[in-house]
Every structure is written in structure tokens, then in C-alpha cells.
Amino acid sequence: MSSEVFLAQIMPIKQKLFRFALRLLGNEEDAKDIIQDAFMKVWHNKEKMGELQNLEAWCMRITRNLALDKLKSKKYRITDNIDRAQEVPASHQQTPHQRSEQSDLMRRVHGLIHALPEKYRTILQLRDIDGLSYQEIADVLDIEMSEVKVNLHRARKQVREQLQNIHVYGIQ
């Protein structure tokens, strides 16, 4: 593969890979490093690209694996992902109290999602935040589509039940 082909096929998905790495790591600089490492790995394995059915899924899998390796390293510590989580934009018609309540709710939801097991959290992110199809998620994570659906259902259910317990019973 030439550099022109690499630029035409890989560079268009750079931002998507960056957002994926950023959500996994919670740190912009680390996400940039992971993307550079992922591109290097893709370039070194360029001979495999002709055999792939879904180039984007392959690149996302490489990015995911590098990010998970970074998270597992003893040097890496996550510092309060909730502060960096994207807030849902508040409507101009809301009162300050309503905006505050919405912000608190989003922080809770992000905290509950962050507390999910890694597999659930990743699948939930890929489907509900990144908008990937079930098949694309299965390709990225190298699992069966039925497993994607089951784990997504369980992740959503767990977040919903915990949020309900907080609101109804005040249990955290």
C-alpha cells in the first residue's frame, strides 16, 4: 500500500478513532498518543489491509486494544472522567435550577456508565454515543452480534436500575 492509499482510506476515520480513544482513556493527550501508535501499527500491517472486509472496524480494534493496554499499565491512572464528560446542552428556556438538575443527572449517568464493567461500557459507548451498528460493534470487538445485543441490553438495564434506585430510594 502506498502512502496515498493510506491517506485516502485511513485518514478520514482519524477523528472517529480519536473520539473513541478519548472516551476510553479520558485524556486528550493520551488519546492522541494512542492514535499515533494505532496509525503506526496499521502502517506496519498494511499488507493485511487487502484481506479485510471492514477496514474501519480493524482500525477501531487496534485503537481499542492499545487504549486498554494503556489503561492496564501501572503508570496510568484515570482522574475523574466525569468532569471531562460532555454535558448535554441545556435549553435556553430552562431555569437555572432545571439546568443544574439536568447537569447533576448527566454527571450521575456518566458516573454509572463509568462504573460499568469494561465490556458493557465499551459496547454502550460504541452503540449509544458513537452510533455504530450491532455488526460494526461485533467487528470492532471481535465478538458475535448476539453477544453485542445481550451485553448492550444488560448495560442499559444496569444503568437504568441504578438510576432508578437513586431517584426512588436514594440508594447509591
N, C-alpha and C. Protein backbone atom coordinates (compact mmCIF):
# COMPACT_ATOMS: atom_id res chain seq x y z
N MET A 1 0.85 -1.17 0.00
CA MET A 1 0.00 0.00 0.00
C MET A 1 0.89 1.23 0.00
N SER A 2 0.51 2.17 -0.80
CA SER A 2 1.26 3.42 -0.88
C SER A 2 0.75 4.42 0.16
N SER A 3 1.51 5.47 0.36
CA SER A 3 1.08 6.48 1.32
C SER A 3 -0.19 7.19 0.85
N GLU A 4 -0.38 7.30 -0.48
CA GLU A 4 -1.60 7.93 -0.99
C GLU A 4 -2.84 7.10 -0.62
N VAL A 5 -2.73 5.79 -0.76
CA VAL A 5 -3.84 4.90 -0.41
C VAL A 5 -4.10 4.96 1.09
N PHE A 6 -3.03 4.97 1.87
CA PHE A 6 -3.15 5.08 3.33
C PHE A 6 -3.89 6.37 3.70
N LEU A 7 -3.48 7.47 3.10
CA LEU A 7 -4.12 8.76 3.39
C LEU A 7 -5.59 8.77 2.97
N ALA A 8 -5.90 8.12 1.87
CA ALA A 8 -7.27 8.12 1.36
C ALA A 8 -8.19 7.21 2.17
N GLN A 9 -7.66 6.11 2.72
CA GLN A 9 -8.51 5.15 3.40
C GLN A 9 -8.49 5.27 4.92
N ILE A 10 -7.39 5.66 5.49
CA ILE A 10 -7.25 5.69 6.95
C ILE A 10 -7.49 7.07 7.54
N MET A 11 -6.96 8.09 6.92
CA MET A 11 -7.07 9.43 7.50
C MET A 11 -8.51 9.93 7.66
N PRO A 12 -9.46 9.55 6.80
CA PRO A 12 -10.84 10.02 7.02
C PRO A 12 -11.47 9.54 8.33
N ILE A 13 -10.96 8.47 8.91
CA ILE A 13 -11.55 7.96 10.16
C ILE A 13 -10.74 8.38 11.38
N LYS A 14 -9.78 9.26 11.20
CA LYS A 14 -8.91 9.68 12.31
C LYS A 14 -9.71 10.27 13.47
N GLN A 15 -10.64 11.18 13.18
CA GLN A 15 -11.41 11.82 14.25
C GLN A 15 -12.28 10.82 15.00
N LYS A 16 -12.85 9.88 14.28
CA LYS A 16 -13.67 8.86 14.92
C LYS A 16 -12.82 8.01 15.86
N LEU A 17 -11.63 7.64 15.41
CA LEU A 17 -10.72 6.87 16.25
C LEU A 17 -10.28 7.68 17.46
N PHE A 18 -10.03 8.97 17.25
CA PHE A 18 -9.62 9.83 18.35
C PHE A 18 -10.72 9.93 19.41
N ARG A 19 -11.97 10.15 18.96
CA ARG A 19 -13.09 10.24 19.92
C ARG A 19 -13.24 8.94 20.70
N PHE A 20 -13.06 7.82 20.01
CA PHE A 20 -13.16 6.51 20.65
C PHE A 20 -12.07 6.37 21.72
N ALA A 21 -10.85 6.69 21.37
CA ALA A 21 -9.73 6.59 22.32
C ALA A 21 -9.93 7.56 23.48
N LEU A 22 -10.41 8.76 23.18
CA LEU A 22 -10.64 9.76 24.23
C LEU A 22 -11.67 9.27 25.23
N ARG A 23 -12.74 8.65 24.75
CA ARG A 23 -13.77 8.15 25.67
C ARG A 23 -13.25 6.99 26.52
N LEU A 24 -12.38 6.19 25.95
CA LEU A 24 -11.81 5.08 26.72
C LEU A 24 -10.82 5.57 27.77
N LEU A 25 -9.99 6.54 27.39
CA LEU A 25 -8.91 6.98 28.26
C LEU A 25 -9.27 8.20 29.11
N GLY A 26 -10.13 9.06 28.60
CA GLY A 26 -10.50 10.24 29.35
C GLY A 26 -9.44 11.33 29.36
N ASN A 27 -8.43 11.22 28.51
CA ASN A 27 -7.34 12.18 28.49
C ASN A 27 -6.97 12.45 27.03
N GLU A 28 -7.03 13.71 26.64
CA GLU A 28 -6.81 14.09 25.24
C GLU A 28 -5.40 13.76 24.76
N GLU A 29 -4.40 14.04 25.58
CA GLU A 29 -3.02 13.78 25.17
C GLU A 29 -2.77 12.28 25.00
N ASP A 30 -3.28 11.48 25.92
CA ASP A 30 -3.12 10.03 25.81
C ASP A 30 -3.85 9.49 24.58
N ALA A 31 -5.02 10.07 24.29
CA ALA A 31 -5.78 9.64 23.12
C ALA A 31 -5.00 9.94 21.84
N LYS A 32 -4.36 11.12 21.78
CA LYS A 32 -3.54 11.47 20.62
C LYS A 32 -2.38 10.48 20.46
N ASP A 33 -1.74 10.13 21.57
CA ASP A 33 -0.65 9.17 21.52
C ASP A 33 -1.12 7.81 21.01
N ILE A 34 -2.29 7.39 21.49
CA ILE A 34 -2.83 6.09 21.07
C ILE A 34 -3.12 6.10 19.58
N ILE A 35 -3.66 7.20 19.06
CA ILE A 35 -3.96 7.28 17.63
C ILE A 35 -2.68 7.21 16.81
N GLN A 36 -1.64 7.87 17.27
CA GLN A 36 -0.35 7.78 16.57
C GLN A 36 0.16 6.35 16.57
N ASP A 37 0.07 5.69 17.72
CA ASP A 37 0.50 4.29 17.81
C ASP A 37 -0.35 3.40 16.92
N ALA A 38 -1.65 3.67 16.88
CA ALA A 38 -2.55 2.87 16.05
C ALA A 38 -2.20 3.04 14.57
N PHE A 39 -1.93 4.27 14.15
CA PHE A 39 -1.57 4.50 12.76
C PHE A 39 -0.26 3.81 12.40
N MET A 40 0.67 3.83 13.33
CA MET A 40 1.94 3.13 13.09
C MET A 40 1.69 1.63 12.92
N LYS A 41 0.84 1.09 13.78
CA LYS A 41 0.53 -0.34 13.71
C LYS A 41 -0.19 -0.68 12.41
N VAL A 42 -1.11 0.17 12.00
CA VAL A 42 -1.82 -0.04 10.73
C VAL A 42 -0.82 0.01 9.57
N TRP A 43 0.08 0.98 9.60
CA TRP A 43 1.06 1.11 8.52
C TRP A 43 1.98 -0.11 8.46
N HIS A 44 2.40 -0.60 9.61
CA HIS A 44 3.28 -1.76 9.63
C HIS A 44 2.57 -3.04 9.19
N ASN A 45 1.25 -3.06 9.30
CA ASN A 45 0.46 -4.23 8.88
C ASN A 45 -0.33 -3.93 7.61
N LYS A 46 0.17 -3.04 6.78
CA LYS A 46 -0.55 -2.62 5.59
C LYS A 46 -0.81 -3.75 4.60
N GLU A 47 -0.01 -4.79 4.63
CA GLU A 47 -0.22 -5.91 3.71
C GLU A 47 -1.51 -6.67 4.03
N LYS A 48 -2.00 -6.57 5.26
CA LYS A 48 -3.24 -7.24 5.66
C LYS A 48 -4.48 -6.50 5.18
N MET A 49 -4.33 -5.24 4.81
CA MET A 49 -5.49 -4.41 4.50
C MET A 49 -6.30 -4.93 3.33
N GLY A 50 -5.66 -5.56 2.37
CA GLY A 50 -6.38 -6.09 1.22
C GLY A 50 -7.30 -7.24 1.58
N GLU A 51 -7.00 -7.94 2.65
CA GLU A 51 -7.79 -9.10 3.08
C GLU A 51 -8.97 -8.72 3.96
N LEU A 52 -9.01 -7.51 4.46
CA LEU A 52 -10.01 -7.09 5.44
C LEU A 52 -11.35 -6.75 4.78
N GLN A 53 -12.43 -7.14 5.47
CA GLN A 53 -13.76 -6.78 4.99
C GLN A 53 -14.15 -5.39 5.49
N ASN A 54 -13.73 -5.05 6.72
CA ASN A 54 -14.12 -3.77 7.30
C ASN A 54 -12.87 -3.10 7.88
N LEU A 55 -12.29 -2.23 7.09
CA LEU A 55 -11.06 -1.54 7.48
C LEU A 55 -11.26 -0.68 8.72
N GLU A 56 -12.39 0.00 8.80
CA GLU A 56 -12.67 0.85 9.95
C GLU A 56 -12.75 0.05 11.24
N ALA A 57 -13.42 -1.09 11.20
CA ALA A 57 -13.53 -1.94 12.39
C ALA A 57 -12.15 -2.44 12.81
N TRP A 58 -11.31 -2.77 11.86
CA TRP A 58 -9.95 -3.22 12.16
C TRP A 58 -9.17 -2.11 12.86
N CYS A 59 -9.28 -0.89 12.35
CA CYS A 59 -8.59 0.25 12.96
C CYS A 59 -9.13 0.54 14.37
N MET A 60 -10.44 0.42 14.53
CA MET A 60 -11.02 0.65 15.85
C MET A 60 -10.58 -0.44 16.83
N ARG A 61 -10.46 -1.66 16.37
CA ARG A 61 -10.00 -2.74 17.24
C ARG A 61 -8.56 -2.48 17.68
N ILE A 62 -7.74 -2.04 16.77
CA ILE A 62 -6.34 -1.71 17.12
C ILE A 62 -6.32 -0.58 18.15
N THR A 63 -7.11 0.45 17.90
CA THR A 63 -7.18 1.59 18.83
C THR A 63 -7.66 1.13 20.20
N ARG A 64 -8.71 0.32 20.22
CA ARG A 64 -9.25 -0.19 21.49
C ARG A 64 -8.21 -0.99 22.24
N ASN A 65 -7.53 -1.89 21.56
CA ASN A 65 -6.54 -2.73 22.23
C ASN A 65 -5.38 -1.89 22.79
N LEU A 66 -4.93 -0.91 22.04
CA LEU A 66 -3.86 -0.04 22.53
C LEU A 66 -4.32 0.78 23.73
N ALA A 67 -5.56 1.28 23.68
CA ALA A 67 -6.10 2.06 24.80
C ALA A 67 -6.25 1.18 26.04
N LEU A 68 -6.74 -0.03 25.86
CA LEU A 68 -6.90 -0.93 27.01
C LEU A 68 -5.54 -1.30 27.60
N ASP A 69 -4.55 -1.50 26.74
CA ASP A 69 -3.19 -1.76 27.25
C ASP A 69 -2.69 -0.58 28.07
N LYS A 70 -2.98 0.62 27.61
CA LYS A 70 -2.58 1.83 28.35
C LYS A 70 -3.28 1.88 29.71
N LEU A 71 -4.58 1.57 29.71
CA LEU A 71 -5.33 1.58 30.97
C LEU A 71 -4.81 0.54 31.95
N LYS A 72 -4.37 -0.58 31.43
CA LYS A 72 -3.89 -1.66 32.30
C LYS A 72 -2.50 -1.40 32.85
N SER A 73 -1.77 -0.52 32.18
CA SER A 73 -0.41 -0.25 32.65
C SER A 73 -0.46 0.40 34.03
N LYS A 74 0.54 0.10 34.84
CA LYS A 74 0.56 0.60 36.22
C LYS A 74 0.77 2.11 36.29
N LYS A 75 1.34 2.68 35.26
CA LYS A 75 1.63 4.11 35.26
C LYS A 75 0.38 4.94 35.05
N TYR A 76 -0.65 4.34 34.45
CA TYR A 76 -1.81 5.12 34.04
C TYR A 76 -2.86 5.15 35.14
N ARG A 77 -3.32 6.33 35.46
CA ARG A 77 -4.39 6.49 36.44
C ARG A 77 -5.43 7.42 35.84
N ILE A 78 -6.67 7.06 35.93
CA ILE A 78 -7.76 7.92 35.42
C ILE A 78 -8.11 8.92 36.51
N THR A 79 -8.19 10.16 36.13
CA THR A 79 -8.58 11.20 37.08
C THR A 79 -9.93 11.75 36.69
N ASP A 80 -10.91 11.44 37.46
CA ASP A 80 -12.27 11.94 37.36
C ASP A 80 -12.77 12.20 35.95
N ASN A 81 -13.12 11.12 35.26
CA ASN A 81 -13.68 11.20 33.92
C ASN A 81 -14.96 12.02 33.86
N ILE A 82 -15.68 12.08 34.96
CA ILE A 82 -16.97 12.74 34.95
C ILE A 82 -16.81 14.22 34.63
N ASP A 83 -15.74 14.85 35.12
CA ASP A 83 -15.53 16.27 34.86
C ASP A 83 -15.31 16.54 33.38
N ARG A 84 -14.73 15.56 32.67
CA ARG A 84 -14.46 15.76 31.26
C ARG A 84 -15.59 15.28 30.37
N ALA A 85 -16.59 14.65 30.94
CA ALA A 85 -17.70 14.12 30.14
C ALA A 85 -18.45 15.27 29.48
N GLN A 86 -18.90 15.00 28.27
CA GLN A 86 -19.64 16.04 27.56
C GLN A 86 -21.00 16.21 28.20
N GLU A 87 -21.33 17.45 28.42
CA GLU A 87 -22.63 17.78 29.00
C GLU A 87 -23.65 17.92 27.89
N VAL A 88 -24.87 17.52 28.19
CA VAL A 88 -25.96 17.73 27.25
C VAL A 88 -26.29 19.21 27.26
N PRO A 89 -26.34 19.85 26.08
CA PRO A 89 -26.61 21.28 26.08
C PRO A 89 -28.00 21.58 26.64
N ALA A 90 -28.04 22.56 27.52
CA ALA A 90 -29.31 22.93 28.16
C ALA A 90 -30.08 23.87 27.25
N SER A 91 -31.36 23.78 27.32
CA SER A 91 -32.23 24.66 26.54
C SER A 91 -32.17 26.07 27.12
N HIS A 92 -32.36 27.05 26.26
CA HIS A 92 -32.35 28.44 26.72
C HIS A 92 -33.58 28.76 27.57
N GLN A 93 -34.61 27.93 27.49
CA GLN A 93 -35.84 28.19 28.21
C GLN A 93 -35.83 27.60 29.62
N GLN A 94 -34.79 26.87 29.97
CA GLN A 94 -34.73 26.27 31.30
C GLN A 94 -34.29 27.29 32.33
N THR A 95 -34.79 27.09 33.53
CA THR A 95 -34.37 27.93 34.65
C THR A 95 -33.00 27.45 35.12
N PRO A 96 -32.29 28.26 35.87
CA PRO A 96 -31.00 27.80 36.41
C PRO A 96 -31.15 26.53 37.24
N HIS A 97 -32.23 26.42 37.97
CA HIS A 97 -32.47 25.22 38.77
C HIS A 97 -32.62 23.99 37.88
N GLN A 98 -33.36 24.12 36.78
CA GLN A 98 -33.55 22.99 35.87
C GLN A 98 -32.23 22.61 35.20
N ARG A 99 -31.45 23.60 34.81
CA ARG A 99 -30.14 23.32 34.20
C ARG A 99 -29.23 22.60 35.20
N SER A 100 -29.27 23.03 36.45
CA SER A 100 -28.47 22.40 37.49
C SER A 100 -28.89 20.95 37.71
N GLU A 101 -30.19 20.72 37.74
CA GLU A 101 -30.70 19.35 37.91
C GLU A 101 -30.29 18.47 36.73
N GLN A 102 -30.39 19.01 35.53
CA GLN A 102 -30.01 18.25 34.34
C GLN A 102 -28.51 17.94 34.37
N SER A 103 -27.72 18.90 34.77
CA SER A 103 -26.28 18.70 34.86
C SER A 103 -25.94 17.62 35.90
N ASP A 104 -26.62 17.68 37.05
CA ASP A 104 -26.40 16.67 38.09
C ASP A 104 -26.79 15.28 37.59
N LEU A 105 -27.91 15.20 36.89
CA LEU A 105 -28.36 13.93 36.35
C LEU A 105 -27.35 13.37 35.35
N MET A 106 -26.84 14.22 34.48
CA MET A 106 -25.86 13.75 33.49
C MET A 106 -24.57 13.29 34.16
N ARG A 107 -24.15 13.98 35.22
CA ARG A 107 -22.96 13.54 35.96
C ARG A 107 -23.20 12.16 36.57
N ARG A 108 -24.40 11.96 37.11
CA ARG A 108 -24.73 10.65 37.68
C ARG A 108 -24.72 9.57 36.62
N VAL A 109 -25.34 9.86 35.48
CA VAL A 109 -25.40 8.88 34.40
C VAL A 109 -23.99 8.54 33.92
N HIS A 110 -23.16 9.56 33.72
CA HIS A 110 -21.78 9.31 33.31
C HIS A 110 -21.02 8.51 34.37
N GLY A 111 -21.27 8.80 35.62
CA GLY A 111 -20.64 8.04 36.70
C GLY A 111 -21.08 6.59 36.71
N LEU A 112 -22.37 6.36 36.49
CA LEU A 112 -22.89 4.99 36.43
C LEU A 112 -22.31 4.23 35.24
N ILE A 113 -22.22 4.91 34.12
CA ILE A 113 -21.63 4.27 32.93
C ILE A 113 -20.16 3.97 33.18
N HIS A 114 -19.46 4.90 33.80
CA HIS A 114 -18.03 4.69 34.09
C HIS A 114 -17.82 3.51 35.05
N ALA A 115 -18.80 3.26 35.92
CA ALA A 115 -18.67 2.17 36.89
C ALA A 115 -19.02 0.80 36.30
N LEU A 116 -19.56 0.78 35.08
CA LEU A 116 -19.89 -0.50 34.44
C LEU A 116 -18.63 -1.30 34.16
N PRO A 117 -18.77 -2.62 34.06
CA PRO A 117 -17.62 -3.42 33.61
C PRO A 117 -17.16 -2.93 32.23
N GLU A 118 -15.91 -3.09 31.94
CA GLU A 118 -15.31 -2.55 30.71
C GLU A 118 -16.06 -2.98 29.46
N LYS A 119 -16.45 -4.24 29.38
CA LYS A 119 -17.14 -4.74 28.19
C LYS A 119 -18.47 -4.01 27.99
N TYR A 120 -19.25 -3.86 29.04
CA TYR A 120 -20.53 -3.16 28.96
C TYR A 120 -20.32 -1.70 28.57
N ARG A 121 -19.35 -1.08 29.23
CA ARG A 121 -19.08 0.35 29.00
C ARG A 121 -18.68 0.59 27.54
N THR A 122 -17.84 -0.27 27.00
CA THR A 122 -17.37 -0.12 25.62
C THR A 122 -18.52 -0.30 24.63
N ILE A 123 -19.32 -1.33 24.84
CA ILE A 123 -20.44 -1.58 23.93
C ILE A 123 -21.45 -0.45 24.00
N LEU A 124 -21.75 0.02 25.19
CA LEU A 124 -22.69 1.13 25.36
C LEU A 124 -22.17 2.37 24.65
N GLN A 125 -20.89 2.65 24.79
CA GLN A 125 -20.29 3.81 24.13
C GLN A 125 -20.36 3.68 22.61
N LEU A 126 -19.98 2.52 22.10
CA LEU A 126 -19.96 2.34 20.65
C LEU A 126 -21.35 2.46 20.04
N ARG A 127 -22.35 1.95 20.74
CA ARG A 127 -23.71 1.99 20.20
C ARG A 127 -24.40 3.33 20.44
N ASP A 128 -24.45 3.77 21.68
CA ASP A 128 -25.26 4.94 22.03
C ASP A 128 -24.54 6.27 21.85
N ILE A 129 -23.24 6.29 21.89
CA ILE A 129 -22.51 7.54 21.74
C ILE A 129 -21.93 7.67 20.34
N ASP A 130 -21.26 6.61 19.88
CA ASP A 130 -20.64 6.66 18.55
C ASP A 130 -21.60 6.28 17.43
N GLY A 131 -22.71 5.61 17.76
CA GLY A 131 -23.73 5.29 16.76
C GLY A 131 -23.39 4.15 15.83
N LEU A 132 -22.51 3.25 16.25
CA LEU A 132 -22.16 2.11 15.41
C LEU A 132 -23.31 1.11 15.39
N SER A 133 -23.41 0.35 14.30
CA SER A 133 -24.42 -0.70 14.21
C SER A 133 -23.96 -1.90 15.04
N TYR A 134 -24.90 -2.81 15.28
CA TYR A 134 -24.55 -4.02 16.04
C TYR A 134 -23.43 -4.78 15.34
N GLN A 135 -23.51 -4.89 14.03
CA GLN A 135 -22.49 -5.63 13.29
C GLN A 135 -21.14 -4.94 13.37
N GLU A 136 -21.13 -3.61 13.28
CA GLU A 136 -19.86 -2.89 13.39
C GLU A 136 -19.24 -3.09 14.77
N ILE A 137 -20.07 -3.08 15.80
CA ILE A 137 -19.56 -3.31 17.16
C ILE A 137 -19.00 -4.72 17.27
N ALA A 138 -19.71 -5.68 16.71
CA ALA A 138 -19.23 -7.06 16.74
C ALA A 138 -17.88 -7.17 16.03
N ASP A 139 -17.73 -6.46 14.92
CA ASP A 139 -16.45 -6.48 14.19
C ASP A 139 -15.34 -5.82 15.00
N VAL A 140 -15.65 -4.68 15.62
CA VAL A 140 -14.64 -3.95 16.39
C VAL A 140 -14.16 -4.78 17.58
N LEU A 141 -15.10 -5.41 18.27
CA LEU A 141 -14.76 -6.14 19.49
C LEU A 141 -14.45 -7.61 19.23
N ASP A 142 -14.65 -8.03 18.00
CA ASP A 142 -14.39 -9.42 17.60
C ASP A 142 -15.22 -10.40 18.43
N ILE A 143 -16.53 -10.12 18.50
CA ILE A 143 -17.48 -10.98 19.20
C ILE A 143 -18.70 -11.19 18.31
N GLU A 144 -19.57 -12.09 18.70
CA GLU A 144 -20.79 -12.35 17.94
C GLU A 144 -21.78 -11.21 18.13
N MET A 145 -22.62 -10.98 17.12
CA MET A 145 -23.61 -9.91 17.20
C MET A 145 -24.60 -10.18 18.33
N SER A 146 -24.94 -11.43 18.57
CA SER A 146 -25.87 -11.74 19.66
C SER A 146 -25.28 -11.34 21.01
N GLU A 147 -23.98 -11.50 21.16
CA GLU A 147 -23.31 -11.10 22.40
C GLU A 147 -23.33 -9.58 22.56
N VAL A 148 -23.22 -8.86 21.45
CA VAL A 148 -23.32 -7.40 21.49
C VAL A 148 -24.69 -6.99 22.00
N LYS A 149 -25.73 -7.59 21.46
CA LYS A 149 -27.10 -7.24 21.84
C LYS A 149 -27.37 -7.56 23.31
N VAL A 150 -26.92 -8.73 23.76
CA VAL A 150 -27.14 -9.13 25.15
C VAL A 150 -26.40 -8.19 26.09
N ASN A 151 -25.14 -7.91 25.81
CA ASN A 151 -24.35 -7.04 26.68
C ASN A 151 -24.85 -5.61 26.67
N LEU A 152 -25.32 -5.13 25.53
CA LEU A 152 -25.88 -3.79 25.47
C LEU A 152 -27.15 -3.72 26.31
N HIS A 153 -27.99 -4.73 26.19
CA HIS A 153 -29.22 -4.77 27.00
C HIS A 153 -28.88 -4.78 28.49
N ARG A 154 -27.93 -5.59 28.88
CA ARG A 154 -27.55 -5.68 30.29
C ARG A 154 -26.95 -4.37 30.79
N ALA A 155 -26.13 -3.72 29.97
CA ALA A 155 -25.53 -2.44 30.35
C ALA A 155 -26.60 -1.38 30.56
N ARG A 156 -27.51 -1.27 29.61
CA ARG A 156 -28.58 -0.27 29.73
C ARG A 156 -29.46 -0.57 30.94
N LYS A 157 -29.77 -1.84 31.15
CA LYS A 157 -30.61 -2.24 32.27
C LYS A 157 -29.94 -1.88 33.60
N GLN A 158 -28.64 -2.16 33.70
CA GLN A 158 -27.91 -1.87 34.93
C GLN A 158 -27.90 -0.37 35.22
N VAL A 159 -27.65 0.44 34.21
CA VAL A 159 -27.65 1.90 34.41
C VAL A 159 -29.05 2.38 34.79
N ARG A 160 -30.07 1.89 34.09
CA ARG A 160 -31.45 2.28 34.37
C ARG A 160 -31.85 1.91 35.80
N GLU A 161 -31.52 0.68 36.24
CA GLU A 161 -31.90 0.23 37.59
C GLU A 161 -31.17 1.04 38.65
N GLN A 162 -29.90 1.31 38.45
CA GLN A 162 -29.15 2.08 39.43
C GLN A 162 -29.66 3.52 39.51
N LEU A 163 -29.99 4.09 38.36
CA LEU A 163 -30.53 5.44 38.34
C LEU A 163 -31.89 5.48 39.03
N GLN A 164 -32.69 4.46 38.80
CA GLN A 164 -34.00 4.37 39.45
C GLN A 164 -33.84 4.24 40.97
N ASN A 165 -32.90 3.43 41.41
CA ASN A 165 -32.65 3.28 42.84
C ASN A 165 -32.22 4.60 43.48
N ILE A 166 -31.44 5.38 42.76
CA ILE A 166 -31.02 6.68 43.28
C ILE A 166 -32.22 7.61 43.42
N HIS A 167 -33.06 7.64 42.40
CA HIS A 167 -34.20 8.56 42.42
C HIS A 167 -35.30 8.12 43.37
N VAL A 168 -35.59 6.84 43.42
CA VAL A 168 -36.70 6.37 44.22
C VAL A 168 -36.31 6.17 45.68
N TYR A 169 -35.17 5.51 45.89
CA TYR A 169 -34.78 5.13 47.24
C TYR A 169 -33.62 5.93 47.81
N GLY A 170 -32.98 6.72 46.99
CA GLY A 170 -31.83 7.48 47.46
C GLY A 170 -30.60 6.60 47.67
N ILE A 171 -30.62 5.39 47.07
CA ILE A 171 -29.52 4.43 47.21
C ILE A 171 -28.49 4.72 46.13
N GLN A 172 -27.23 4.72 46.54
CA GLN A 172 -26.16 4.88 45.56
C GLN A 172 -25.21 3.75 45.62
